[in-house]
Amino acid sequence: MMTSTFWTTIERTPGYATDTREWRSSLVDCWDVAQLYLSKISKFADHIECPWPGGENCPRRVVRHEDGSFRAVCSDPMRLCDPLDITRDEIHIRELDRRKLFADVAAALDLAMTAPPERQASLLHIGDHQLAAGRSFPVFAALSSPRAPLGKADLLELDRRKLPFILLVTSLRAIEQDVSSFLSARGGRVLTYAECLNFAAAPGKGFVPVASLANLFAAEISALTNADDSPEAPVMTLPVNARWSDLRFAFREQAVLNVSHRGQKPVRLEPDQIGMRDDRNGKPNRQWRLLLACAALDGALPRSFPVSTINGRRPASHILRILDEFKRGYDKQRQTLAVTLREKFGIEDDPFLVRDDCFEAQFLVDAQGLRQGQSDQRQRNFVDED
């Protein structure tokens, strides 16, 4: 079912709120679906629209009788409009539920939402369309009208992240004439909701895309997968919504790392596969050794040097000797490690978060293989607390 009537009605309704009777008369062809996005609020209309063109004393005012019935009565002395018996439901005010609307738009377009849409927002980021882990583009949604169209100044703060992006609008009349070219120069494209979405056929609810998303987003997908600047493929296949907390890093040997996603069969990685081999001597580089140190410290790294405590405890002397290797240029090495991990696993978030006196790995770390390989099984990574 086409949605053009729905968006046109939304666009021309001041404040996106009016009585049920008016909504229903405008949306007669799609009322069963449209009403899902029109929530009743605790207000009732005190006037009802008159037949066009009406008179100077229009619209008809709502009169409530003692028996609880309602009637719309013309206020003109000549009674230009006939009185109309109406129900309580007809004068109940319905307001556009933006949160539900944008959530269903995001679902139809397969957008990963970062936060629930704001109830009163007229322009917001409703999610990212993800092609693969670490590769996505943002989609923005606007509610505006020809009475107050969006201009360039309204769009300057869009968080585009230097990516292609899409702005959805109710119609091209709802933006100023130069907006499309302004956004195009910045890698953006303007689409109307009706160009992208239809109402789902009964008994379905919500929206469905008018075409395959591959066709609908062909320009943005092409821009992201351009052969000249496409990112290197991740070292393992992960779902588009993969998080660092889903991964488990397990060192089985000094130069062998097993990585698994949510308990699945682990992928065996060696330093050269993860971009952590020193090309000069073929040995693991400093990022690999820093990752080993992180594993030995149960997934933590110091905030800075000199190291006093990590997670509130002082590391054992042999760990301090290992960390001392990174004293020079530590900040750069830690940042390089984070960048390499993001690139190799295709997850945009930082793999380390600040926790008090340390950087805490967001992935699970298993260093049992390293510990079992130590000659002294009783050796501990931290000194006993007093």
Protein backbone atom coordinates (compact mmCIF):
# COMPACT_ATOMS: atom_id res chain seq x y z
CA MET A 1 0.00 0.00 0.00
CA MET A 2 1.39 3.38 -1.01
CA THR A 3 2.34 5.81 1.78
CA SER A 4 2.25 9.09 -0.15
CA THR A 5 -1.14 10.13 1.32
CA PHE A 6 0.13 9.43 4.83
CA TRP A 7 3.22 11.63 4.45
CA THR A 8 1.27 14.40 2.71
CA THR A 9 -1.23 14.45 5.58
CA ILE A 10 1.53 14.47 8.19
CA GLU A 11 3.19 17.34 6.37
CA ARG A 12 0.11 19.56 6.28
CA THR A 13 -1.10 18.92 9.85
CA PRO A 14 0.15 21.69 12.19
CA GLY A 15 1.93 20.25 15.20
CA TYR A 16 1.26 16.73 13.82
CA ALA A 17 -1.85 16.57 16.01
CA THR A 18 -5.58 16.92 15.31
CA ASP A 19 -8.87 15.21 16.06
CA THR A 20 -9.55 11.61 15.02
CA ARG A 21 -12.30 12.66 12.63
CA GLU A 22 -9.95 14.86 10.60
CA TRP A 23 -7.15 12.28 10.59
CA ARG A 24 -9.55 9.60 9.45
CA SER A 25 -11.12 11.67 6.69
CA SER A 26 -7.67 12.45 5.27
CA LEU A 27 -6.34 8.91 5.64
CA VAL A 28 -9.42 6.95 4.65
CA ASP A 29 -7.47 4.71 2.25
CA CYS A 30 -4.84 3.70 4.81
CA TRP A 31 -6.48 4.35 8.18
CA ASP A 32 -6.06 0.82 9.54
CA VAL A 33 -2.27 1.11 9.28
CA ALA A 34 -1.84 4.86 9.76
CA GLN A 35 -3.67 4.91 13.10
CA LEU A 36 -0.85 2.81 14.59
CA TYR A 37 1.28 5.97 14.52
CA LEU A 38 -1.40 8.36 15.81
CA SER A 39 -1.61 8.08 19.58
CA LYS A 40 -4.53 9.45 21.57
CA ILE A 41 -3.60 12.10 24.10
CA SER A 42 -5.62 13.56 26.96
CA LYS A 43 -7.17 16.35 24.89
CA PHE A 44 -10.36 16.74 22.90
CA ALA A 45 -11.22 19.06 20.04
CA ASP A 46 -13.48 22.02 20.79
CA HIS A 47 -14.03 22.74 17.09
CA ILE A 48 -14.68 20.58 14.02
CA GLU A 49 -13.75 21.56 10.49
CA CYS A 50 -16.56 22.89 8.25
CA PRO A 51 -17.26 21.93 4.65
CA TRP A 52 -15.09 23.96 2.30
CA PRO A 53 -15.03 26.93 1.84
CA GLY A 54 -16.87 27.68 5.09
CA GLY A 55 -17.60 31.11 6.51
CA GLU A 56 -15.89 33.68 8.69
CA ASN A 57 -17.24 32.11 11.89
CA CYS A 58 -15.96 28.62 11.06
CA PRO A 59 -15.12 26.07 12.22
CA ARG A 60 -18.08 24.49 13.94
CA ARG A 61 -17.77 24.40 17.71
CA VAL A 62 -18.27 21.23 19.68
CA VAL A 63 -21.18 21.21 22.13
CA ARG A 64 -21.54 18.54 24.78
CA HIS A 65 -25.09 17.70 25.86
CA GLU A 66 -26.19 16.62 29.30
CA ASP A 67 -26.72 13.06 28.12
CA GLY A 68 -23.05 12.84 27.16
CA SER A 69 -23.57 13.15 23.41
CA PHE A 70 -21.70 15.63 21.24
CA ARG A 71 -22.72 17.89 18.38
CA ALA A 72 -20.78 20.25 16.13
CA VAL A 73 -22.71 23.49 15.67
CA CYS A 74 -22.09 26.32 13.25
CA SER A 75 -21.31 29.64 14.94
CA ASP A 76 -22.45 31.77 12.03
CA PRO A 77 -25.78 33.61 12.55
CA MET A 78 -26.90 32.31 9.16
CA ARG A 79 -26.05 28.72 10.13
CA LEU A 80 -24.09 28.16 6.91
CA CYS A 81 -23.05 24.64 7.91
CA ASP A 82 -25.39 21.92 9.02
CA PRO A 83 -25.03 20.70 12.61
CA LEU A 84 -23.28 17.35 12.94
CA ASP A 85 -23.69 14.61 15.53
CA ILE A 86 -20.27 13.34 16.53
CA THR A 87 -18.81 10.80 18.92
CA ARG A 88 -16.33 11.21 21.74
CA ASP A 89 -13.78 9.20 19.76
CA GLU A 90 -14.09 11.52 16.76
CA ILE A 91 -13.07 14.57 18.79
CA HIS A 92 -10.28 12.77 20.65
CA ILE A 93 -6.96 14.38 19.70
CA ARG A 94 -4.37 12.07 18.18
CA GLU A 95 -0.73 13.04 17.94
CA LEU A 96 1.93 11.56 15.71
CA ASP A 97 4.01 9.06 17.69
CA ARG A 98 7.43 9.95 16.33
CA ARG A 99 9.26 7.35 18.37
CA LYS A 100 7.18 4.46 17.01
CA LEU A 101 7.19 5.95 13.51
CA PHE A 102 10.96 6.30 13.27
CA ALA A 103 11.55 2.95 14.97
CA ASP A 104 9.42 1.22 12.30
CA VAL A 105 11.07 3.19 9.49
CA ALA A 106 14.48 2.10 10.83
CA ALA A 107 13.33 -1.53 11.02
CA ALA A 108 12.04 -1.51 7.43
CA LEU A 109 15.32 -0.06 6.16
CA ASP A 110 17.41 -2.46 8.28
CA LEU A 111 19.04 0.31 10.28
CA ALA A 112 20.94 -0.36 13.49
CA MET A 113 19.55 2.16 15.96
CA THR A 114 21.95 3.59 18.52
CA ALA A 115 19.27 5.11 20.76
CA PRO A 116 15.47 5.46 20.84
CA PRO A 117 14.30 8.43 18.74
CA GLU A 118 13.44 11.57 20.67
CA ARG A 119 9.72 12.18 20.95
CA GLN A 120 9.76 15.80 19.79
CA ALA A 121 12.76 15.81 17.48
CA SER A 122 12.17 17.10 13.94
CA LEU A 123 15.58 16.00 12.61
CA LEU A 124 17.48 13.07 13.96
CA HIS A 125 19.83 10.20 13.21
CA ILE A 126 17.58 7.11 13.13
CA GLY A 127 20.32 4.53 12.57
CA ASP A 128 23.06 3.12 10.38
CA HIS A 129 22.65 0.73 7.48
CA GLN A 130 25.43 -1.81 7.96
CA LEU A 131 27.02 -3.68 5.09
CA ALA A 132 29.47 -5.63 7.23
CA ALA A 133 31.14 -5.25 10.60
CA GLY A 134 32.80 -1.85 10.62
CA ARG A 135 31.22 -0.67 7.36
CA SER A 136 28.00 1.35 7.48
CA PHE A 137 26.45 4.70 6.61
CA PRO A 138 24.04 6.91 8.60
CA VAL A 139 20.42 7.67 7.76
CA PHE A 140 18.74 10.83 9.04
CA ALA A 141 15.00 11.52 9.18
CA ALA A 142 13.25 14.87 9.11
CA LEU A 143 9.72 16.04 9.84
CA SER A 144 9.20 19.44 8.29
CA SER A 145 6.67 21.13 6.02
CA PRO A 146 6.43 23.74 3.27
CA ARG A 147 5.36 26.20 6.00
CA ALA A 148 8.83 25.92 7.58
CA PRO A 149 11.13 24.01 5.22
CA LEU A 150 14.55 22.77 6.32
CA GLY A 151 17.42 24.95 5.18
CA LYS A 152 21.18 24.49 4.97
CA ALA A 153 21.66 25.98 8.42
CA ASP A 154 19.51 23.21 9.93
CA LEU A 155 21.78 20.53 8.49
CA LEU A 156 25.25 21.82 9.28
CA GLU A 157 25.64 19.73 12.43
CA LEU A 158 24.73 16.35 10.97
CA ASP A 159 27.22 13.78 12.30
CA ARG A 160 28.19 12.42 8.88
CA ARG A 161 31.57 10.95 9.98
CA LYS A 162 32.87 11.59 6.43
CA LEU A 163 30.57 8.82 5.16
CA PRO A 164 27.87 8.80 2.49
CA PHE A 165 24.48 9.42 4.11
CA ILE A 166 20.76 9.75 3.42
CA LEU A 167 18.24 12.35 4.57
CA LEU A 168 14.60 11.24 4.52
CA VAL A 169 11.96 13.97 4.15
CA THR A 170 8.17 14.05 3.82
CA SER A 171 8.43 15.75 0.41
CA LEU A 172 10.83 17.96 -1.54
CA ARG A 173 8.55 20.89 -0.64
CA ALA A 174 9.63 20.40 2.97
CA ILE A 175 13.23 21.46 2.23
CA GLU A 176 14.59 24.63 0.67
CA GLN A 177 15.54 24.38 -3.00
CA ASP A 178 19.30 24.39 -2.48
CA VAL A 179 19.36 21.70 0.22
CA SER A 180 19.66 18.72 -2.15
CA SER A 181 22.71 20.15 -3.93
CA PHE A 182 24.19 21.29 -0.61
CA LEU A 183 24.02 17.75 0.81
CA SER A 184 25.12 16.14 -2.44
CA ALA A 185 28.39 18.08 -2.26
CA ARG A 186 28.92 16.50 1.16
CA GLY A 187 28.17 12.94 0.10
CA GLY A 188 24.51 13.02 1.09
CA ARG A 189 21.33 12.19 -0.78
CA VAL A 190 17.77 13.35 -0.17
CA LEU A 191 14.97 10.78 -0.48
CA THR A 192 11.31 11.09 0.39
CA TYR A 193 9.73 8.52 2.66
CA ALA A 194 7.30 7.58 -0.11
CA GLU A 195 10.23 6.81 -2.43
CA CYS A 196 11.53 4.29 0.10
CA LEU A 197 8.57 2.82 1.95
CA ASN A 198 5.17 1.25 1.48
CA PHE A 199 2.80 0.09 4.18
CA ALA A 200 3.03 -3.64 4.81
CA ALA A 201 0.20 -5.67 3.31
CA ALA A 202 -2.34 -7.07 5.78
CA PRO A 203 -2.02 -8.78 8.16
CA GLY A 204 1.43 -7.23 8.43
CA LYS A 205 2.05 -3.97 10.27
CA GLY A 206 4.50 -1.14 9.78
CA PHE A 207 6.50 -0.48 6.63
CA VAL A 208 8.30 -2.43 3.94
CA PRO A 209 10.87 -1.06 1.46
CA VAL A 210 9.57 -0.30 -2.05
CA ALA A 211 12.56 -2.16 -3.54
CA SER A 212 15.46 -4.27 -2.34
CA LEU A 213 17.74 -2.34 -0.03
CA ALA A 214 20.64 -3.14 -2.36
CA ASN A 215 18.87 -1.14 -5.08
CA LEU A 216 17.51 1.52 -2.76
CA PHE A 217 20.94 2.22 -1.26
CA ALA A 218 22.99 1.41 -4.37
CA ALA A 219 24.75 4.80 -4.44
CA GLU A 220 25.82 4.62 -0.80
CA ILE A 221 26.88 0.98 -1.04
CA SER A 222 28.94 1.75 -4.12
CA ALA A 223 30.64 4.67 -2.37
CA LEU A 224 31.57 2.45 0.57
CA THR A 225 32.86 -0.44 -1.52
CA ASN A 226 34.86 1.56 -4.06
CA ALA A 227 37.82 -0.63 -5.02
CA ASP A 228 40.28 2.23 -4.64
CA ASP A 229 39.60 2.83 -0.97
CA SER A 230 37.77 -0.23 0.32
CA PRO A 231 39.05 -1.40 3.71
CA GLU A 232 40.97 -4.60 4.08
CA ALA A 233 38.75 -7.59 4.81
CA PRO A 234 38.58 -8.52 8.52
CA VAL A 235 40.59 -11.53 9.69
CA MET A 236 37.41 -13.40 10.60
CA THR A 237 33.78 -13.23 9.53
CA LEU A 238 31.62 -11.50 12.13
CA PRO A 239 27.96 -10.42 12.15
CA VAL A 240 27.32 -6.77 11.33
CA ASN A 241 26.32 -6.06 14.93
CA ALA A 242 29.34 -7.77 16.52
CA ARG A 243 30.71 -6.19 19.69
CA TRP A 244 34.08 -6.57 21.37
CA SER A 245 32.34 -8.16 24.35
CA ASP A 246 31.25 -11.00 22.03
CA LEU A 247 34.87 -11.99 21.35
CA ARG A 248 37.15 -14.23 23.38
CA PHE A 249 40.92 -13.98 22.91
CA ALA A 250 42.85 -17.06 24.03
CA PHE A 251 46.64 -17.31 23.80
CA ARG A 252 47.61 -20.96 23.44
CA GLU A 253 51.26 -20.22 22.69
CA GLN A 254 53.44 -17.13 22.65
CA ALA A 255 52.78 -16.67 18.94
CA VAL A 256 49.33 -18.26 18.56
CA LEU A 257 46.08 -16.49 19.36
CA ASN A 258 42.69 -18.20 19.12
CA VAL A 259 39.71 -15.84 18.72
CA SER A 260 36.11 -17.03 18.98
CA HIS A 261 32.76 -15.24 18.66
CA ARG A 262 30.10 -16.20 21.21
CA GLY A 263 31.44 -19.69 21.79
CA GLN A 264 31.75 -20.61 18.14
CA LYS A 265 34.74 -22.51 16.77
CA PRO A 266 37.84 -20.33 17.30
CA VAL A 267 39.95 -18.90 14.49
CA ARG A 268 43.70 -19.47 14.86
CA LEU A 269 45.70 -16.29 14.27
CA GLU A 270 49.41 -15.72 14.18
CA PRO A 271 51.18 -12.35 14.28
CA ASP A 272 51.50 -11.94 10.50
CA GLN A 273 47.76 -12.61 9.97
CA ILE A 274 46.79 -9.84 12.34
CA GLY A 275 49.35 -7.30 11.12
CA MET A 276 51.58 -7.69 14.17
CA ARG A 277 54.79 -9.11 12.73
CA ASP A 278 58.02 -7.15 12.49
CA ASP A 279 58.99 -7.32 8.80
CA ARG A 280 62.62 -6.73 9.67
CA ASN A 281 63.12 -9.94 11.64
CA GLY A 282 59.87 -11.89 11.18
CA LYS A 283 59.16 -11.84 14.92
CA PRO A 284 56.03 -10.55 16.71
CA ASN A 285 56.09 -6.75 16.92
CA ARG A 286 55.45 -4.52 19.92
CA GLN A 287 51.67 -4.50 19.46
CA TRP A 288 51.58 -8.30 19.72
CA ARG A 289 53.80 -8.25 22.80
CA LEU A 290 51.59 -5.56 24.35
CA LEU A 291 48.56 -7.77 23.68
CA LEU A 292 50.41 -10.60 25.43
CA ALA A 293 51.00 -8.32 28.40
CA CYS A 294 47.31 -7.43 28.42
CA ALA A 295 46.45 -11.13 28.52
CA ALA A 296 48.88 -11.73 31.38
CA LEU A 297 47.14 -8.93 33.30
CA ASP A 298 43.69 -10.49 32.77
CA GLY A 299 42.65 -7.98 30.14
CA ALA A 300 44.10 -4.74 31.51
CA LEU A 301 46.83 -2.30 30.57
CA PRO A 302 48.28 0.54 32.65
CA ARG A 303 47.03 4.09 32.17
CA SER A 304 50.53 5.54 32.25
CA PHE A 305 54.08 5.12 33.51
CA PRO A 306 55.51 4.62 36.08
CA VAL A 307 53.11 1.78 36.87
CA SER A 308 51.92 1.69 40.45
CA THR A 309 48.67 -0.30 40.32
CA ILE A 310 46.45 -1.94 37.72
CA ASN A 311 42.86 -2.59 38.79
CA GLY A 312 43.90 -1.44 42.24
CA ARG A 313 46.67 -4.01 42.62
CA ARG A 314 50.40 -3.78 42.12
CA PRO A 315 51.67 -6.12 39.36
CA ALA A 316 54.31 -8.70 40.24
CA SER A 317 57.93 -7.85 39.47
CA HIS A 318 58.20 -10.03 36.34
CA ILE A 319 55.14 -8.25 34.85
CA LEU A 320 56.64 -4.87 35.68
CA ARG A 321 59.81 -5.91 33.83
CA ILE A 322 57.73 -6.84 30.77
CA LEU A 323 55.81 -3.56 30.90
CA ASP A 324 59.03 -1.62 31.24
CA GLU A 325 59.71 -2.48 27.58
CA PHE A 326 56.81 -0.20 26.62
CA LYS A 327 57.76 2.75 28.81
CA ARG A 328 59.07 4.65 25.82
CA GLY A 329 56.29 5.60 23.44
CA TYR A 330 53.66 3.71 25.42
CA ASP A 331 50.68 5.92 24.52
CA LYS A 332 51.41 5.60 20.81
CA GLN A 333 51.88 1.82 21.05
CA ARG A 334 48.61 1.34 22.93
CA GLN A 335 46.72 3.53 20.46
CA THR A 336 48.30 1.66 17.54
CA LEU A 337 47.22 -1.64 19.09
CA ALA A 338 43.62 -0.37 19.38
CA VAL A 339 43.63 0.86 15.76
CA THR A 340 45.04 -2.44 14.48
CA LEU A 341 42.42 -4.46 16.35
CA ARG A 342 39.60 -2.29 14.99
CA GLU A 343 40.90 -2.67 11.43
CA LYS A 344 41.53 -6.40 11.63
CA PHE A 345 38.20 -7.30 13.25
CA GLY A 346 36.05 -4.63 11.60
CA ILE A 347 34.49 -3.34 14.84
CA GLU A 348 34.36 0.45 15.07
CA ASP A 349 34.22 0.79 18.86
CA ASP A 350 37.41 1.17 20.89
CA PRO A 351 38.51 -2.26 22.16
CA PHE A 352 39.74 -0.64 25.41
CA LEU A 353 37.86 1.55 27.89
CA VAL A 354 39.27 3.60 30.75
CA ARG A 355 38.64 2.02 34.14
CA ASP A 356 40.15 3.98 37.05
CA ASP A 357 43.89 3.23 36.94
CA CYS A 358 43.92 1.12 33.76
CA PHE A 359 42.65 0.51 30.24
CA GLU A 360 40.30 -2.46 30.34
CA ALA A 361 39.89 -4.73 27.32
CA GLN A 362 36.28 -5.04 26.14
CA PHE A 363 36.96 -8.54 24.81
CA LEU A 364 37.36 -11.57 27.07
CA VAL A 365 40.93 -12.71 27.59
CA ASP A 366 42.12 -16.22 28.34
CA ALA A 367 45.84 -16.50 29.09
CA GLN A 368 45.67 -20.02 30.52
CA GLY A 369 47.86 -21.35 27.73
CA LEU A 370 50.57 -18.86 28.62
CA ARG A 371 50.36 -19.66 32.30
CA GLN A 372 50.58 -23.39 31.71
CA GLY A 373 53.69 -22.82 29.66
CA GLN A 374 55.50 -21.14 32.50
CA SER A 375 58.09 -23.22 34.27
CA ASP A 376 56.86 -22.10 37.68
CA GLN A 377 53.14 -22.82 37.89
CA ARG A 378 52.90 -20.92 41.16
CA GLN A 379 54.07 -17.63 39.67
CA ARG A 380 51.43 -14.93 40.01
CA ASN A 381 50.87 -11.70 38.11
CA PHE A 382 50.13 -9.59 41.17
CA VAL A 383 51.79 -9.37 44.57
CA ASP A 384 49.70 -10.29 47.58
CA GLU A 385 47.77 -7.41 49.06
CA ASP A 386 48.66 -6.36 52.56
